[in-house]
Amino acid sequence: MVTYDHTIEQNLLALLMSKERINEYIKTLDFKEQSEIYDEFGIDLDVLNSVIEKEVDEEGRVRLTWGNQQVS
């Protein structure tokens, strides 16, 4: 599966991996690291890093944004 930065597909893939992490916790009551889930499916962890952006405002508050796809 090929995904490109800032696309809907990449956002969906990251969302599915987050859902899988929650499912694993519910099934086993064991909290797996995000990297373990990505390794299990053979996905590079950089996919998640390119989807979530971290910003700090003037007052020092951290803001995380998910997804920034360009639709034309």
PDB file of N, CA and C in Angstrom:
ATOM      1  N   MET A   1       0.849  -1.180   0.000  1.00  0.00           N
ATOM      2  CA  MET A   1       0.000   0.000   0.000  1.00  0.00           C
ATOM      3  C   MET A   1       0.890   1.236   0.000  1.00  0.00           C
ATOM      4  N   VAL A   2       0.630   2.130  -0.916  1.00  0.00           N
ATOM      5  CA  VAL A   2       1.412   3.357  -1.029  1.00  0.00           C
ATOM      6  C   VAL A   2       0.545   4.515  -0.588  1.00  0.00           C
ATOM      7  N   THR A   3       1.102   5.359   0.278  1.00  0.00           N
ATOM      8  CA  THR A   3       0.400   6.586   0.661  1.00  0.00           C
ATOM      9  C   THR A   3       1.346   7.753   0.435  1.00  0.00           C
ATOM     10  N   TYR A   4       0.775   8.913   0.230  1.00  0.00           N
ATOM     11  CA  TYR A   4       1.549  10.126   0.017  1.00  0.00           C
ATOM     12  C   TYR A   4       1.249  11.089   1.148  1.00  0.00           C
ATOM     13  N   ASP A   5       2.238  11.955   1.453  1.00  0.00           N
ATOM     14  CA  ASP A   5       2.062  12.928   2.530  1.00  0.00           C
ATOM     15  C   ASP A   5       0.839  13.807   2.282  1.00  0.00           C
ATOM     16  N   HIS A   6       0.147  14.095   3.366  1.00  0.00           N
ATOM     17  CA  HIS A   6      -0.988  15.026   3.366  1.00  0.00           C
ATOM     18  C   HIS A   6      -2.132  14.566   2.464  1.00  0.00           C
ATOM     19  N   THR A   7      -2.438  13.270   2.497  1.00  0.00           N
ATOM     20  CA  THR A   7      -3.566  12.753   1.721  1.00  0.00           C
ATOM     21  C   THR A   7      -4.595  12.132   2.662  1.00  0.00           C
ATOM     22  N   ILE A   8      -5.786  11.966   2.157  1.00  0.00           N
ATOM     23  CA  ILE A   8      -6.850  11.346   2.935  1.00  0.00           C
ATOM     24  C   ILE A   8      -6.475   9.907   3.286  1.00  0.00           C
ATOM     25  N   GLU A   9      -5.858   9.211   2.348  1.00  0.00           N
ATOM     26  CA  GLU A   9      -5.473   7.817   2.586  1.00  0.00           C
ATOM     27  C   GLU A   9      -4.500   7.692   3.749  1.00  0.00           C
ATOM     28  N   GLN A  10      -3.547   8.608   3.827  1.00  0.00           N
ATOM     29  CA  GLN A  10      -2.571   8.565   4.916  1.00  0.00           C
ATOM     30  C   GLN A  10      -3.254   8.842   6.254  1.00  0.00           C
ATOM     31  N   ASN A  11      -4.181   9.757   6.272  1.00  0.00           N
ATOM     32  CA  ASN A  11      -4.939  10.036   7.492  1.00  0.00           C
ATOM     33  C   ASN A  11      -5.764   8.819   7.914  1.00  0.00           C
ATOM     34  N   LEU A  12      -6.387   8.157   6.948  1.00  0.00           N
ATOM     35  CA  LEU A  12      -7.180   6.960   7.255  1.00  0.00           C
ATOM     36  C   LEU A  12      -6.307   5.830   7.783  1.00  0.00           C
ATOM     37  N   LEU A  13      -5.125   5.650   7.206  1.00  0.00           N
ATOM     38  CA  LEU A  13      -4.222   4.613   7.670  1.00  0.00           C
ATOM     39  C   LEU A  13      -3.798   4.865   9.116  1.00  0.00           C
ATOM     40  N   ALA A  14      -3.448   6.094   9.426  1.00  0.00           N
ATOM     41  CA  ALA A  14      -3.052   6.431  10.800  1.00  0.00           C
ATOM     42  C   ALA A  14      -4.226   6.251  11.761  1.00  0.00           C
ATOM     43  N   LEU A  15      -5.417   6.600  11.319  1.00  0.00           N
ATOM     44  CA  LEU A  15      -6.604   6.417  12.148  1.00  0.00           C
ATOM     45  C   LEU A  15      -6.875   4.937  12.409  1.00  0.00           C
ATOM     46  N   LEU A  16      -6.731   4.104  11.384  1.00  0.00           N
ATOM     47  CA  LEU A  16      -6.926   2.666  11.556  1.00  0.00           C
ATOM     48  C   LEU A  16      -5.896   2.069  12.513  1.00  0.00           C
ATOM     49  N   MET A  17      -4.669   2.534  12.458  1.00  0.00           N
ATOM     50  CA  MET A  17      -3.637   2.029  13.363  1.00  0.00           C
ATOM     51  C   MET A  17      -3.921   2.458  14.806  1.00  0.00           C
ATOM     52  N   SER A  18      -4.455   3.649  14.986  1.00  0.00           N
ATOM     53  CA  SER A  18      -4.850   4.087  16.324  1.00  0.00           C
ATOM     54  C   SER A  18      -6.002   3.250  16.846  1.00  0.00           C
ATOM     55  N   LYS A  19      -6.946   2.933  15.968  1.00  0.00           N
ATOM     56  CA  LYS A  19      -8.069   2.075  16.346  1.00  0.00           C
ATOM     57  C   LYS A  19      -7.574   0.677  16.712  1.00  0.00           C
ATOM     58  N   GLU A  20      -6.617   0.167  15.976  1.00  0.00           N
ATOM     59  CA  GLU A  20      -6.062  -1.155  16.265  1.00  0.00           C
ATOM     60  C   GLU A  20      -5.378  -1.167  17.636  1.00  0.00           C
ATOM     61  N   ARG A  21      -4.740  -0.071  17.981  1.00  0.00           N
ATOM     62  CA  ARG A  21      -4.092   0.024  19.293  1.00  0.00           C
ATOM     63  C   ARG A  21      -5.131  -0.046  20.409  1.00  0.00           C
ATOM     64  N   ILE A  22      -6.254   0.617  20.228  1.00  0.00           N
ATOM     65  CA  ILE A  22      -7.340   0.563  21.217  1.00  0.00           C
ATOM     66  C   ILE A  22      -7.919  -0.847  21.281  1.00  0.00           C
ATOM     67  N   ASN A  23      -8.122  -1.473  20.114  1.00  0.00           N
ATOM     68  CA  ASN A  23      -8.648  -2.844  20.078  1.00  0.00           C
ATOM     69  C   ASN A  23      -7.738  -3.810  20.817  1.00  0.00           C
ATOM     70  N   GLU A  24      -6.429  -3.678  20.627  1.00  0.00           N
ATOM     71  CA  GLU A  24      -5.473  -4.554  21.320  1.00  0.00           C
ATOM     72  C   GLU A  24      -5.583  -4.380  22.831  1.00  0.00           C
ATOM     73  N   TYR A  25      -5.755  -3.148  23.285  1.00  0.00           N
ATOM     74  CA  TYR A  25      -5.892  -2.901  24.718  1.00  0.00           C
ATOM     75  C   TYR A  25      -7.159  -3.553  25.262  1.00  0.00           C
ATOM     76  N   ILE A  26      -8.251  -3.412  24.523  1.00  0.00           N
ATOM     77  CA  ILE A  26      -9.517  -3.993  24.967  1.00  0.00           C
ATOM     78  C   ILE A  26      -9.437  -5.518  25.015  1.00  0.00           C
ATOM     79  N   LYS A  27      -8.772  -6.124  24.031  1.00  0.00           N
ATOM     80  CA  LYS A  27      -8.662  -7.584  23.983  1.00  0.00           C
ATOM     81  C   LYS A  27      -7.748  -8.140  25.072  1.00  0.00           C
ATOM     82  N   THR A  28      -6.609  -7.468  25.317  1.00  0.00           N
ATOM     83  CA  THR A  28      -5.587  -8.050  26.184  1.00  0.00           C
ATOM     84  C   THR A  28      -5.377  -7.298  27.490  1.00  0.00           C
ATOM     85  N   LEU A  29      -5.950  -6.102  27.617  1.00  0.00           N
ATOM     86  CA  LEU A  29      -5.709  -5.203  28.755  1.00  0.00           C
ATOM     87  C   LEU A  29      -4.221  -4.894  28.919  1.00  0.00           C
ATOM     88  N   ASP A  30      -3.487  -4.995  27.810  1.00  0.00           N
ATOM     89  CA  ASP A  30      -2.073  -4.672  27.776  1.00  0.00           C
ATOM     90  C   ASP A  30      -1.886  -3.516  26.805  1.00  0.00           C
ATOM     91  N   PHE A  31      -1.294  -2.433  27.277  1.00  0.00           N
ATOM     92  CA  PHE A  31      -1.133  -1.231  26.470  1.00  0.00           C
ATOM     93  C   PHE A  31       0.113  -1.363  25.604  1.00  0.00           C
ATOM     94  N   LYS A  32      -0.077  -1.549  24.284  1.00  0.00           N
ATOM     95  CA  LYS A  32       1.037  -1.675  23.355  1.00  0.00           C
ATOM     96  C   LYS A  32       1.506  -0.296  22.897  1.00  0.00           C
ATOM     97  N   GLU A  33       2.792  -0.202  22.650  1.00  0.00           N
ATOM     98  CA  GLU A  33       3.342   1.027  22.087  1.00  0.00           C
ATOM     99  C   GLU A  33       2.877   1.179  20.642  1.00  0.00           C
ATOM    100  N   GLN A  34       2.781   2.412  20.194  1.00  0.00           N
ATOM    101  CA  GLN A  34       2.361   2.671  18.807  1.00  0.00           C
ATOM    102  C   GLN A  34       3.301   1.973  17.826  1.00  0.00           C
ATOM    103  N   SER A  35       4.591   1.973  18.138  1.00  0.00           N
ATOM    104  CA  SER A  35       5.563   1.356  17.239  1.00  0.00           C
ATOM    105  C   SER A  35       5.334  -0.152  17.113  1.00  0.00           C
ATOM    106  N   GLU A  36       4.870  -0.807  18.173  1.00  0.00           N
ATOM    107  CA  GLU A  36       4.584  -2.244  18.105  1.00  0.00           C
ATOM    108  C   GLU A  36       3.449  -2.535  17.129  1.00  0.00           C
ATOM    109  N   ILE A  37       2.422  -1.710  17.169  1.00  0.00           N
ATOM    110  CA  ILE A  37       1.281  -1.887  16.264  1.00  0.00           C
ATOM    111  C   ILE A  37       1.736  -1.674  14.824  1.00  0.00           C
ATOM    112  N   TYR A  38       2.499  -0.615  14.587  1.00  0.00           N
ATOM    113  CA  TYR A  38       2.969  -0.333  13.233  1.00  0.00           C
ATOM    114  C   TYR A  38       3.871  -1.454  12.729  1.00  0.00           C
ATOM    115  N   ASP A  39       4.755  -1.974  13.573  1.00  0.00           N
ATOM    116  CA  ASP A  39       5.628  -3.082  13.187  1.00  0.00           C
ATOM    117  C   ASP A  39       4.833  -4.328  12.837  1.00  0.00           C
ATOM    118  N   GLU A  40       3.771  -4.581  13.597  1.00  0.00           N
ATOM    119  CA  GLU A  40       2.938  -5.762  13.350  1.00  0.00           C
ATOM    120  C   GLU A  40       2.341  -5.741  11.948  1.00  0.00           C
ATOM    121  N   PHE A  41       2.008  -4.545  11.454  1.00  0.00           N
ATOM    122  CA  PHE A  41       1.408  -4.414  10.132  1.00  0.00           C
ATOM    123  C   PHE A  41       2.420  -4.018   9.065  1.00  0.00           C
ATOM    124  N   GLY A  42       3.696  -3.883   9.451  1.00  0.00           N
ATOM    125  CA  GLY A  42       4.738  -3.552   8.481  1.00  0.00           C
ATOM    126  C   GLY A  42       4.664  -2.127   7.965  1.00  0.00           C
ATOM    127  N   ILE A  43       4.279  -1.204   8.840  1.00  0.00           N
ATOM    128  CA  ILE A  43       4.127   0.200   8.455  1.00  0.00           C
ATOM    129  C   ILE A  43       5.206   1.019   9.137  1.00  0.00           C
ATOM    130  N   ASP A  44       5.794   1.942   8.389  1.00  0.00           N
ATOM    131  CA  ASP A  44       6.827   2.816   8.923  1.00  0.00           C
ATOM    132  C   ASP A  44       6.186   3.838   9.865  1.00  0.00           C
ATOM    133  N   LEU A  45       6.768   4.026  11.025  1.00  0.00           N
ATOM    134  CA  LEU A  45       6.212   4.938  12.029  1.00  0.00           C
ATOM    135  C   LEU A  45       6.236   6.393  11.554  1.00  0.00           C
ATOM    136  N   ASP A  46       7.027   6.710  10.549  1.00  0.00           N
ATOM    137  CA  ASP A  46       7.061   8.074  10.020  1.00  0.00           C
ATOM    138  C   ASP A  46       5.722   8.500   9.438  1.00  0.00           C
ATOM    139  N   VAL A  47       4.883   7.524   9.080  1.00  0.00           N
ATOM    140  CA  VAL A  47       3.542   7.854   8.577  1.00  0.00           C
ATOM    141  C   VAL A  47       2.788   8.644   9.633  1.00  0.00           C
ATOM    142  N   LEU A  48       2.843   8.187  10.877  1.00  0.00           N
ATOM    143  CA  LEU A  48       2.147   8.887  11.957  1.00  0.00           C
ATOM    144  C   LEU A  48       2.758  10.258  12.199  1.00  0.00           C
ATOM    145  N   ASN A  49       4.073  10.342  12.159  1.00  0.00           N
ATOM    146  CA  ASN A  49       4.743  11.612  12.401  1.00  0.00           C
ATOM    147  C   ASN A  49       4.414  12.654  11.343  1.00  0.00           C
ATOM    148  N   SER A  50       4.131  12.209  10.124  1.00  0.00           N
ATOM    149  CA  SER A  50       3.796  13.174   9.080  1.00  0.00           C
ATOM    150  C   SER A  50       2.329  13.578   9.114  1.00  0.00           C
ATOM    151  N   VAL A  51       1.504  12.849   9.863  1.00  0.00           N
ATOM    152  CA  VAL A  51       0.075  13.172   9.944  1.00  0.00           C
ATOM    153  C   VAL A  51      -0.201  14.138  11.103  1.00  0.00           C
ATOM    154  N   ILE A  52       0.452  13.929  12.234  1.00  0.00           N
ATOM    155  CA  ILE A  52       0.218  14.765  13.410  1.00  0.00           C
ATOM    156  C   ILE A  52       1.241  15.894  13.444  1.00  0.00           C
ATOM    157  N   GLU A  53       0.752  17.106  13.589  1.00  0.00           N
ATOM    158  CA  GLU A  53       1.635  18.261  13.676  1.00  0.00           C
ATOM    159  C   GLU A  53       1.495  18.895  15.055  1.00  0.00           C
ATOM    160  N   LYS A  54       2.623  19.287  15.621  1.00  0.00           N
ATOM    161  CA  LYS A  54       2.651  19.881  16.958  1.00  0.00           C
ATOM    162  C   LYS A  54       3.040  21.347  16.833  1.00  0.00           C
ATOM    163  N   GLU A  55       2.222  22.215  17.419  1.00  0.00           N
ATOM    164  CA  GLU A  55       2.478  23.652  17.385  1.00  0.00           C
ATOM    165  C   GLU A  55       2.452  24.193  18.808  1.00  0.00           C
ATOM    166  N   VAL A  56       3.264  25.205  19.069  1.00  0.00           N
ATOM    167  CA  VAL A  56       3.271  25.883  20.366  1.00  0.00           C
ATOM    168  C   VAL A  56       2.932  27.345  20.094  1.00  0.00           C
ATOM    169  N   ASP A  57       1.900  27.854  20.792  1.00  0.00           N
ATOM    170  CA  ASP A  57       1.504  29.242  20.572  1.00  0.00           C
ATOM    171  C   ASP A  57       2.345  30.193  21.425  1.00  0.00           C
ATOM    172  N   GLU A  58       2.033  31.478  21.336  1.00  0.00           N
ATOM    173  CA  GLU A  58       2.793  32.509  22.044  1.00  0.00           C
ATOM    174  C   GLU A  58       2.769  32.335  23.557  1.00  0.00           C
ATOM    175  N   GLU A  59       1.707  31.730  24.080  1.00  0.00           N
ATOM    176  CA  GLU A  59       1.558  31.541  25.518  1.00  0.00           C
ATOM    177  C   GLU A  59       2.120  30.203  25.988  1.00  0.00           C
ATOM    178  N   GLY A  60       2.739  29.452  25.097  1.00  0.00           N
ATOM    179  CA  GLY A  60       3.359  28.194  25.470  1.00  0.00           C
ATOM    180  C   GLY A  60       2.427  26.994  25.473  1.00  0.00           C
ATOM    181  N   ARG A  61       1.210  27.179  25.005  1.00  0.00           N
ATOM    182  CA  ARG A  61       0.266  26.060  24.945  1.00  0.00           C
ATOM    183  C   ARG A  61       0.552  25.208  23.713  1.00  0.00           C
ATOM    184  N   VAL A  62       0.475  23.895  23.894  1.00  0.00           N
ATOM    185  CA  VAL A  62       0.739  22.963  22.806  1.00  0.00           C
ATOM    186  C   VAL A  62      -0.572  22.623  22.113  1.00  0.00           C
ATOM    187  N   ARG A  63      -0.530  22.608  20.813  1.00  0.00           N
ATOM    188  CA  ARG A  63      -1.707  22.263  20.012  1.00  0.00           C
ATOM    189  C   ARG A  63      -1.307  21.185  19.016  1.00  0.00           C
ATOM    190  N   LEU A  64      -2.035  20.074  19.032  1.00  0.00           N
ATOM    191  CA  LEU A  64      -1.807  18.995  18.083  1.00  0.00           C
ATOM    192  C   LEU A  64      -2.897  19.046  17.025  1.00  0.00           C
ATOM    193  N   THR A  65      -2.502  18.935  15.775  1.00  0.00           N
ATOM    194  CA  THR A  65      -3.478  18.880  14.691  1.00  0.00           C
ATOM    195  C   THR A  65      -3.297  17.575  13.951  1.00  0.00           C
ATOM    196  N   TRP A  66      -4.397  16.995  13.535  1.00  0.00           N
ATOM    197  CA  TRP A  66      -4.402  15.694  12.857  1.00  0.00           C
ATOM    198  C   TRP A  66      -4.833  15.916  11.417  1.00  0.00           C
ATOM    199  N   GLY A  67      -3.948  15.608  10.508  1.00  0.00           N
ATOM    200  CA  GLY A  67      -4.287  15.647   9.097  1.00  0.00           C
ATOM    201  C   GLY A  67      -4.296  17.039   8.509  1.00  0.00           C
ATOM    202  N   ASN A  68      -3.826  17.114   7.317  1.00  0.00           N
ATOM    203  CA  ASN A  68      -3.781  18.384   6.603  1.00  0.00           C
ATOM    204  C   ASN A  68      -3.806  18.095   5.120  1.00  0.00           C
ATOM    205  N   GLN A  69      -4.749  17.267   4.692  1.00  0.00           N
ATOM    206  CA  GLN A  69      -4.749  16.859   3.288  1.00  0.00           C
ATOM    207  C   GLN A  69      -5.171  17.997   2.397  1.00  0.00           C
ATOM    208  N   GLN A  70      -4.620  17.973   1.207  1.00  0.00           N
ATOM    209  CA  GLN A  70      -4.952  18.963   0.192  1.00  0.00           C
ATOM    210  C   GLN A  70      -5.927  18.319  -0.795  1.00  0.00           C
ATOM    211  N   VAL A  71      -7.113  18.864  -0.884  1.00  0.00           N
ATOM    212  CA  VAL A  71      -8.124  18.348  -1.801  1.00  0.00           C
ATOM    213  C   VAL A  71      -8.333  19.381  -2.888  1.00  0.00           C
ATOM    214  N   SER A  72      -8.199  18.940  -4.135  1.00  0.00           N
ATOM    215  CA  SER A  72      -8.381  19.906  -5.233  1.00  0.00           C
ATOM    216  C   SER A  72      -9.506  19.493  -6.134  1.00  0.00           C
TER     217      SER A  72
END
